[in-house]
Amino acid sequence: MSDPKPGDGNAARLKLWWSTEGKHLWANDPHPWTRLNQLLKSKGVPKHMVDGLTTNIYVLVKGHGPGRD
């Protein structure tokens, strides 16, 4: 199967997994953005896209940006 969004580094697939099945690994952490960012880095997400991807997933799950309660 070909990549439906070539050039995005599989960001769409990563967003889906980390916002659903992988959510339990970071969403209830005292510092969820930082934890998710660490997890994405450990999975090899490139440095130039990890912070943006982390924020996008965070907003998708939490409904607001990091730093808001």
PDB file of N, CA and C in Angstrom:
ATOM      1  N   MET A   1       0.848  -1.184   0.000  1.00  0.00           N
ATOM      2  CA  MET A   1       0.000   0.000   0.000  1.00  0.00           C
ATOM      3  C   MET A   1       0.886   1.238   0.000  1.00  0.00           C
ATOM      4  N   SER A   2       0.557   2.204  -0.827  1.00  0.00           N
ATOM      5  CA  SER A   2       1.366   3.413  -0.901  1.00  0.00           C
ATOM      6  C   SER A   2       0.965   4.400   0.198  1.00  0.00           C
ATOM      7  N   ASP A   3       1.878   5.281   0.502  1.00  0.00           N
ATOM      8  CA  ASP A   3       1.645   6.311   1.511  1.00  0.00           C
ATOM      9  C   ASP A   3       0.645   7.316   0.943  1.00  0.00           C
ATOM     10  N   PRO A   4      -0.520   7.514   1.595  1.00  0.00           N
ATOM     11  CA  PRO A   4      -1.520   8.439   1.055  1.00  0.00           C
ATOM     12  C   PRO A   4      -1.091   9.904   1.104  1.00  0.00           C
ATOM     13  N   LYS A   5      -0.106  10.216   1.916  1.00  0.00           N
ATOM     14  CA  LYS A   5       0.387  11.588   2.016  1.00  0.00           C
ATOM     15  C   LYS A   5       1.908  11.573   1.915  1.00  0.00           C
ATOM     16  N   PRO A   6       2.453  11.305   0.746  1.00  0.00           N
ATOM     17  CA  PRO A   6       3.907  11.241   0.639  1.00  0.00           C
ATOM     18  C   PRO A   6       4.554  12.559   1.054  1.00  0.00           C
ATOM     19  N   GLY A   7       5.657  12.460   1.758  1.00  0.00           N
ATOM     20  CA  GLY A   7       6.380  13.645   2.185  1.00  0.00           C
ATOM     21  C   GLY A   7       6.017  14.153   3.561  1.00  0.00           C
ATOM     22  N   ASP A   8       4.973  13.611   4.200  1.00  0.00           N
ATOM     23  CA  ASP A   8       4.604  14.105   5.535  1.00  0.00           C
ATOM     24  C   ASP A   8       5.257  13.290   6.638  1.00  0.00           C
ATOM     25  N   GLY A   9       6.108  12.333   6.275  1.00  0.00           N
ATOM     26  CA  GLY A   9       6.798  11.519   7.274  1.00  0.00           C
ATOM     27  C   GLY A   9       5.851  10.639   8.058  1.00  0.00           C
ATOM     28  N   ASN A  10       4.740  10.258   7.449  1.00  0.00           N
ATOM     29  CA  ASN A  10       3.719   9.441   8.109  1.00  0.00           C
ATOM     30  C   ASN A  10       3.094  10.140   9.306  1.00  0.00           C
ATOM     31  N   ALA A  11       3.080  11.460   9.290  1.00  0.00           N
ATOM     32  CA  ALA A  11       2.508  12.226  10.409  1.00  0.00           C
ATOM     33  C   ALA A  11       1.047  11.874  10.643  1.00  0.00           C
ATOM     34  N   ALA A  12       0.289  11.657   9.594  1.00  0.00           N
ATOM     35  CA  ALA A  12      -1.135  11.336   9.752  1.00  0.00           C
ATOM     36  C   ALA A  12      -1.299  10.016  10.507  1.00  0.00           C
ATOM     37  N   ARG A  13      -0.490   9.031  10.162  1.00  0.00           N
ATOM     38  CA  ARG A  13      -0.553   7.732  10.840  1.00  0.00           C
ATOM     39  C   ARG A  13      -0.122   7.866  12.304  1.00  0.00           C
ATOM     40  N   LEU A  14       0.928   8.635  12.542  1.00  0.00           N
ATOM     41  CA  LEU A  14       1.397   8.853  13.912  1.00  0.00           C
ATOM     42  C   LEU A  14       0.343   9.584  14.741  1.00  0.00           C
ATOM     43  N   LYS A  15      -0.271  10.612  14.166  1.00  0.00           N
ATOM     44  CA  LYS A  15      -1.324  11.348  14.885  1.00  0.00           C
ATOM     45  C   LYS A  15      -2.460  10.421  15.289  1.00  0.00           C
ATOM     46  N   LEU A  16      -2.876   9.586  14.368  1.00  0.00           N
ATOM     47  CA  LEU A  16      -3.975   8.668  14.653  1.00  0.00           C
ATOM     48  C   LEU A  16      -3.617   7.721  15.793  1.00  0.00           C
ATOM     49  N   TRP A  17      -2.454   7.101  15.731  1.00  0.00           N
ATOM     50  CA  TRP A  17      -2.089   6.114  16.746  1.00  0.00           C
ATOM     51  C   TRP A  17      -1.895   6.767  18.120  1.00  0.00           C
ATOM     52  N   TRP A  18      -1.134   7.864  18.182  1.00  0.00           N
ATOM     53  CA  TRP A  18      -0.841   8.502  19.465  1.00  0.00           C
ATOM     54  C   TRP A  18      -2.055   9.203  20.067  1.00  0.00           C
ATOM     55  N   SER A  19      -3.065   9.500  19.262  1.00  0.00           N
ATOM     56  CA  SER A  19      -4.265  10.136  19.806  1.00  0.00           C
ATOM     57  C   SER A  19      -5.342   9.115  20.172  1.00  0.00           C
ATOM     58  N   THR A  20      -5.121   7.853  19.859  1.00  0.00           N
ATOM     59  CA  THR A  20      -6.102   6.809  20.191  1.00  0.00           C
ATOM     60  C   THR A  20      -5.424   5.711  21.008  1.00  0.00           C
ATOM     61  N   GLU A  21      -4.868   4.744  20.349  1.00  0.00           N
ATOM     62  CA  GLU A  21      -4.272   3.589  21.040  1.00  0.00           C
ATOM     63  C   GLU A  21      -3.112   3.963  21.960  1.00  0.00           C
ATOM     64  N   GLY A  22      -2.294   4.928  21.564  1.00  0.00           N
ATOM     65  CA  GLY A  22      -1.126   5.296  22.358  1.00  0.00           C
ATOM     66  C   GLY A  22      -1.376   6.377  23.392  1.00  0.00           C
ATOM     67  N   LYS A  23      -2.591   6.895  23.431  1.00  0.00           N
ATOM     68  CA  LYS A  23      -2.927   8.002  24.333  1.00  0.00           C
ATOM     69  C   LYS A  23      -2.642   7.674  25.794  1.00  0.00           C
ATOM     70  N   HIS A  24      -2.883   6.438  26.198  1.00  0.00           N
ATOM     71  CA  HIS A  24      -2.687   6.060  27.601  1.00  0.00           C
ATOM     72  C   HIS A  24      -1.232   6.180  28.050  1.00  0.00           C
ATOM     73  N   LEU A  25      -0.308   6.245  27.118  1.00  0.00           N
ATOM     74  CA  LEU A  25       1.112   6.327  27.455  1.00  0.00           C
ATOM     75  C   LEU A  25       1.567   7.728  27.854  1.00  0.00           C
ATOM     76  N   TRP A  26       0.743   8.730  27.565  1.00  0.00           N
ATOM     77  CA  TRP A  26       1.186  10.095  27.833  1.00  0.00           C
ATOM     78  C   TRP A  26       0.105  11.040  28.369  1.00  0.00           C
ATOM     79  N   ALA A  27      -1.146  10.830  28.035  1.00  0.00           N
ATOM     80  CA  ALA A  27      -2.192  11.830  28.295  1.00  0.00           C
ATOM     81  C   ALA A  27      -2.437  12.122  29.780  1.00  0.00           C
ATOM     82  N   ASN A  28      -2.200  11.169  30.651  1.00  0.00           N
ATOM     83  CA  ASN A  28      -2.434  11.388  32.085  1.00  0.00           C
ATOM     84  C   ASN A  28      -1.156  11.664  32.865  1.00  0.00           C
ATOM     85  N   ASP A  29      -0.064  11.840  32.162  1.00  0.00           N
ATOM     86  CA  ASP A  29       1.210  12.179  32.789  1.00  0.00           C
ATOM     87  C   ASP A  29       1.103  13.592  33.381  1.00  0.00           C
ATOM     88  N   PRO A  30       1.814  13.890  34.474  1.00  0.00           N
ATOM     89  CA  PRO A  30       1.787  15.251  35.020  1.00  0.00           C
ATOM     90  C   PRO A  30       2.245  16.318  34.008  1.00  0.00           C
ATOM     91  N   HIS A  31       3.065  15.913  33.043  1.00  0.00           N
ATOM     92  CA  HIS A  31       3.562  16.803  31.996  1.00  0.00           C
ATOM     93  C   HIS A  31       3.329  16.127  30.645  1.00  0.00           C
ATOM     94  N   PRO A  32       2.070  16.084  30.200  1.00  0.00           N
ATOM     95  CA  PRO A  32       1.724  15.282  29.026  1.00  0.00           C
ATOM     96  C   PRO A  32       2.420  15.708  27.727  1.00  0.00           C
ATOM     97  N   TRP A  33       2.576  17.009  27.481  1.00  0.00           N
ATOM     98  CA  TRP A  33       3.241  17.434  26.244  1.00  0.00           C
ATOM     99  C   TRP A  33       4.685  16.954  26.231  1.00  0.00           C
ATOM    100  N   THR A  34       5.374  17.144  27.352  1.00  0.00           N
ATOM    101  CA  THR A  34       6.775  16.736  27.445  1.00  0.00           C
ATOM    102  C   THR A  34       6.910  15.230  27.292  1.00  0.00           C
ATOM    103  N   ARG A  35       6.034  14.478  27.929  1.00  0.00           N
ATOM    104  CA  ARG A  35       6.081  13.015  27.823  1.00  0.00           C
ATOM    105  C   ARG A  35       5.847  12.552  26.393  1.00  0.00           C
ATOM    106  N   LEU A  36       4.841  13.121  25.734  1.00  0.00           N
ATOM    107  CA  LEU A  36       4.568  12.761  24.354  1.00  0.00           C
ATOM    108  C   LEU A  36       5.747  13.118  23.464  1.00  0.00           C
ATOM    109  N   ASN A  37       6.323  14.278  23.671  1.00  0.00           N
ATOM    110  CA  ASN A  37       7.470  14.708  22.892  1.00  0.00           C
ATOM    111  C   ASN A  37       8.628  13.717  23.052  1.00  0.00           C
ATOM    112  N   GLN A  38       8.884  13.275  24.281  1.00  0.00           N
ATOM    113  CA  GLN A  38       9.946  12.294  24.532  1.00  0.00           C
ATOM    114  C   GLN A  38       9.651  10.974  23.816  1.00  0.00           C
ATOM    115  N   LEU A  39       8.409  10.548  23.876  1.00  0.00           N
ATOM    116  CA  LEU A  39       8.024   9.291  23.229  1.00  0.00           C
ATOM    117  C   LEU A  39       8.191   9.381  21.714  1.00  0.00           C
ATOM    118  N   LEU A  40       7.762  10.479  21.127  1.00  0.00           N
ATOM    119  CA  LEU A  40       7.900  10.639  19.685  1.00  0.00           C
ATOM    120  C   LEU A  40       9.367  10.675  19.271  1.00  0.00           C
ATOM    121  N   LYS A  41      10.203  11.363  20.038  1.00  0.00           N
ATOM    122  CA  LYS A  41      11.643  11.379  19.753  1.00  0.00           C
ATOM    123  C   LYS A  41      12.225   9.970  19.826  1.00  0.00           C
ATOM    124  N   SER A  42      11.785   9.197  20.816  1.00  0.00           N
ATOM    125  CA  SER A  42      12.315   7.835  20.978  1.00  0.00           C
ATOM    126  C   SER A  42      11.898   6.924  19.828  1.00  0.00           C
ATOM    127  N   LYS A  43      10.842   7.307  19.120  1.00  0.00           N
ATOM    128  CA  LYS A  43      10.365   6.527  17.971  1.00  0.00           C
ATOM    129  C   LYS A  43      10.956   7.026  16.657  1.00  0.00           C
ATOM    130  N   GLY A  44      11.860   8.002  16.748  1.00  0.00           N
ATOM    131  CA  GLY A  44      12.578   8.452  15.567  1.00  0.00           C
ATOM    132  C   GLY A  44      11.931   9.569  14.771  1.00  0.00           C
ATOM    133  N   VAL A  45      10.967  10.262  15.363  1.00  0.00           N
ATOM    134  CA  VAL A  45      10.383  11.411  14.654  1.00  0.00           C
ATOM    135  C   VAL A  45      11.492  12.446  14.484  1.00  0.00           C
ATOM    136  N   PRO A  46      11.684  12.944  13.272  1.00  0.00           N
ATOM    137  CA  PRO A  46      12.767  13.897  13.013  1.00  0.00           C
ATOM    138  C   PRO A  46      12.663  15.156  13.870  1.00  0.00           C
ATOM    139  N   LYS A  47      13.818  15.665  14.232  1.00  0.00           N
ATOM    140  CA  LYS A  47      13.922  16.838  15.100  1.00  0.00           C
ATOM    141  C   LYS A  47      13.133  18.028  14.562  1.00  0.00           C
ATOM    142  N   HIS A  48      13.123  18.214  13.240  1.00  0.00           N
ATOM    143  CA  HIS A  48      12.473  19.383  12.660  1.00  0.00           C
ATOM    144  C   HIS A  48      10.947  19.304  12.708  1.00  0.00           C
ATOM    145  N   MET A  49      10.393  18.140  13.033  1.00  0.00           N
ATOM    146  CA  MET A  49       8.934  18.049  13.070  1.00  0.00           C
ATOM    147  C   MET A  49       8.359  17.578  14.397  1.00  0.00           C
ATOM    148  N   VAL A  50       9.200  17.198  15.351  1.00  0.00           N
ATOM    149  CA  VAL A  50       8.694  16.588  16.580  1.00  0.00           C
ATOM    150  C   VAL A  50       7.884  17.555  17.447  1.00  0.00           C
ATOM    151  N   ASP A  51       8.306  18.795  17.585  1.00  0.00           N
ATOM    152  CA  ASP A  51       7.561  19.727  18.445  1.00  0.00           C
ATOM    153  C   ASP A  51       6.185  20.045  17.860  1.00  0.00           C
ATOM    154  N   GLY A  52       6.131  20.282  16.563  1.00  0.00           N
ATOM    155  CA  GLY A  52       4.851  20.568  15.923  1.00  0.00           C
ATOM    156  C   GLY A  52       3.902  19.381  15.971  1.00  0.00           C
ATOM    157  N   LEU A  53       4.436  18.187  15.716  1.00  0.00           N
ATOM    158  CA  LEU A  53       3.610  16.988  15.775  1.00  0.00           C
ATOM    159  C   LEU A  53       3.108  16.755  17.192  1.00  0.00           C
ATOM    160  N   THR A  54       3.964  16.966  18.175  1.00  0.00           N
ATOM    161  CA  THR A  54       3.559  16.825  19.571  1.00  0.00           C
ATOM    162  C   THR A  54       2.393  17.757  19.884  1.00  0.00           C
ATOM    163  N   THR A  55       2.505  19.000  19.492  1.00  0.00           N
ATOM    164  CA  THR A  55       1.440  19.974  19.756  1.00  0.00           C
ATOM    165  C   THR A  55       0.154  19.598  19.026  1.00  0.00           C
ATOM    166  N   ASN A  56       0.271  19.174  17.783  1.00  0.00           N
ATOM    167  CA  ASN A  56      -0.926  18.786  17.029  1.00  0.00           C
ATOM    168  C   ASN A  56      -1.657  17.617  17.685  1.00  0.00           C
ATOM    169  N   ILE A  57      -0.920  16.622  18.133  1.00  0.00           N
ATOM    170  CA  ILE A  57      -1.538  15.463  18.794  1.00  0.00           C
ATOM    171  C   ILE A  57      -2.138  15.891  20.128  1.00  0.00           C
ATOM    172  N   TYR A  58      -1.416  16.695  20.872  1.00  0.00           N
ATOM    173  CA  TYR A  58      -1.888  17.189  22.163  1.00  0.00           C
ATOM    174  C   TYR A  58      -3.225  17.908  22.003  1.00  0.00           C
ATOM    175  N   VAL A  59      -3.319  18.821  21.053  1.00  0.00           N
ATOM    176  CA  VAL A  59      -4.552  19.578  20.813  1.00  0.00           C
ATOM    177  C   VAL A  59      -5.678  18.639  20.374  1.00  0.00           C
ATOM    178  N   LEU A  60      -5.361  17.676  19.543  1.00  0.00           N
ATOM    179  CA  LEU A  60      -6.359  16.717  19.090  1.00  0.00           C
ATOM    180  C   LEU A  60      -6.986  15.970  20.269  1.00  0.00           C
ATOM    181  N   VAL A  61      -6.164  15.574  21.228  1.00  0.00           N
ATOM    182  CA  VAL A  61      -6.648  14.799  22.373  1.00  0.00           C
ATOM    183  C   VAL A  61      -7.258  15.688  23.454  1.00  0.00           C
ATOM    184  N   LYS A  62      -6.572  16.753  23.802  1.00  0.00           N
ATOM    185  CA  LYS A  62      -6.983  17.590  24.930  1.00  0.00           C
ATOM    186  C   LYS A  62      -7.993  18.679  24.564  1.00  0.00           C
ATOM    187  N   GLY A  63      -8.044  19.048  23.281  1.00  0.00           N
ATOM    188  CA  GLY A  63      -8.974  20.082  22.855  1.00  0.00           C
ATOM    189  C   GLY A  63      -8.479  21.499  23.064  1.00  0.00           C
ATOM    190  N   HIS A  64      -7.245  21.655  23.485  1.00  0.00           N
ATOM    191  CA  HIS A  64      -6.635  22.969  23.690  1.00  0.00           C
ATOM    192  C   HIS A  64      -5.120  22.817  23.639  1.00  0.00           C
ATOM    193  N   GLY A  65      -4.434  23.924  23.541  1.00  0.00           N
ATOM    194  CA  GLY A  65      -2.980  23.885  23.483  1.00  0.00           C
ATOM    195  C   GLY A  65      -2.349  23.590  24.829  1.00  0.00           C
ATOM    196  N   PRO A  66      -1.074  23.209  24.826  1.00  0.00           N
ATOM    197  CA  PRO A  66      -0.374  22.953  26.082  1.00  0.00           C
ATOM    198  C   PRO A  66      -0.301  24.216  26.933  1.00  0.00           C
ATOM    199  N   GLY A  67      -0.292  24.026  28.231  1.00  0.00           N
ATOM    200  CA  GLY A  67      -0.218  25.160  29.144  1.00  0.00           C
ATOM    201  C   GLY A  67      -1.564  25.625  29.661  1.00  0.00           C
ATOM    202  N   ARG A  68      -2.638  25.110  29.090  1.00  0.00           N
ATOM    203  CA  ARG A  68      -3.989  25.458  29.571  1.00  0.00           C
ATOM    204  C   ARG A  68      -4.552  24.279  30.329  1.00  0.00           C
ATOM    205  N   ASP A  69      -5.257  24.539  31.381  1.00  0.00           N
ATOM    206  CA  ASP A  69      -5.892  23.452  32.159  1.00  0.00           C
ATOM    207  C   ASP A  69      -7.368  23.419  31.918  1.00  0.00           C
TER     208      ASP A  69
END
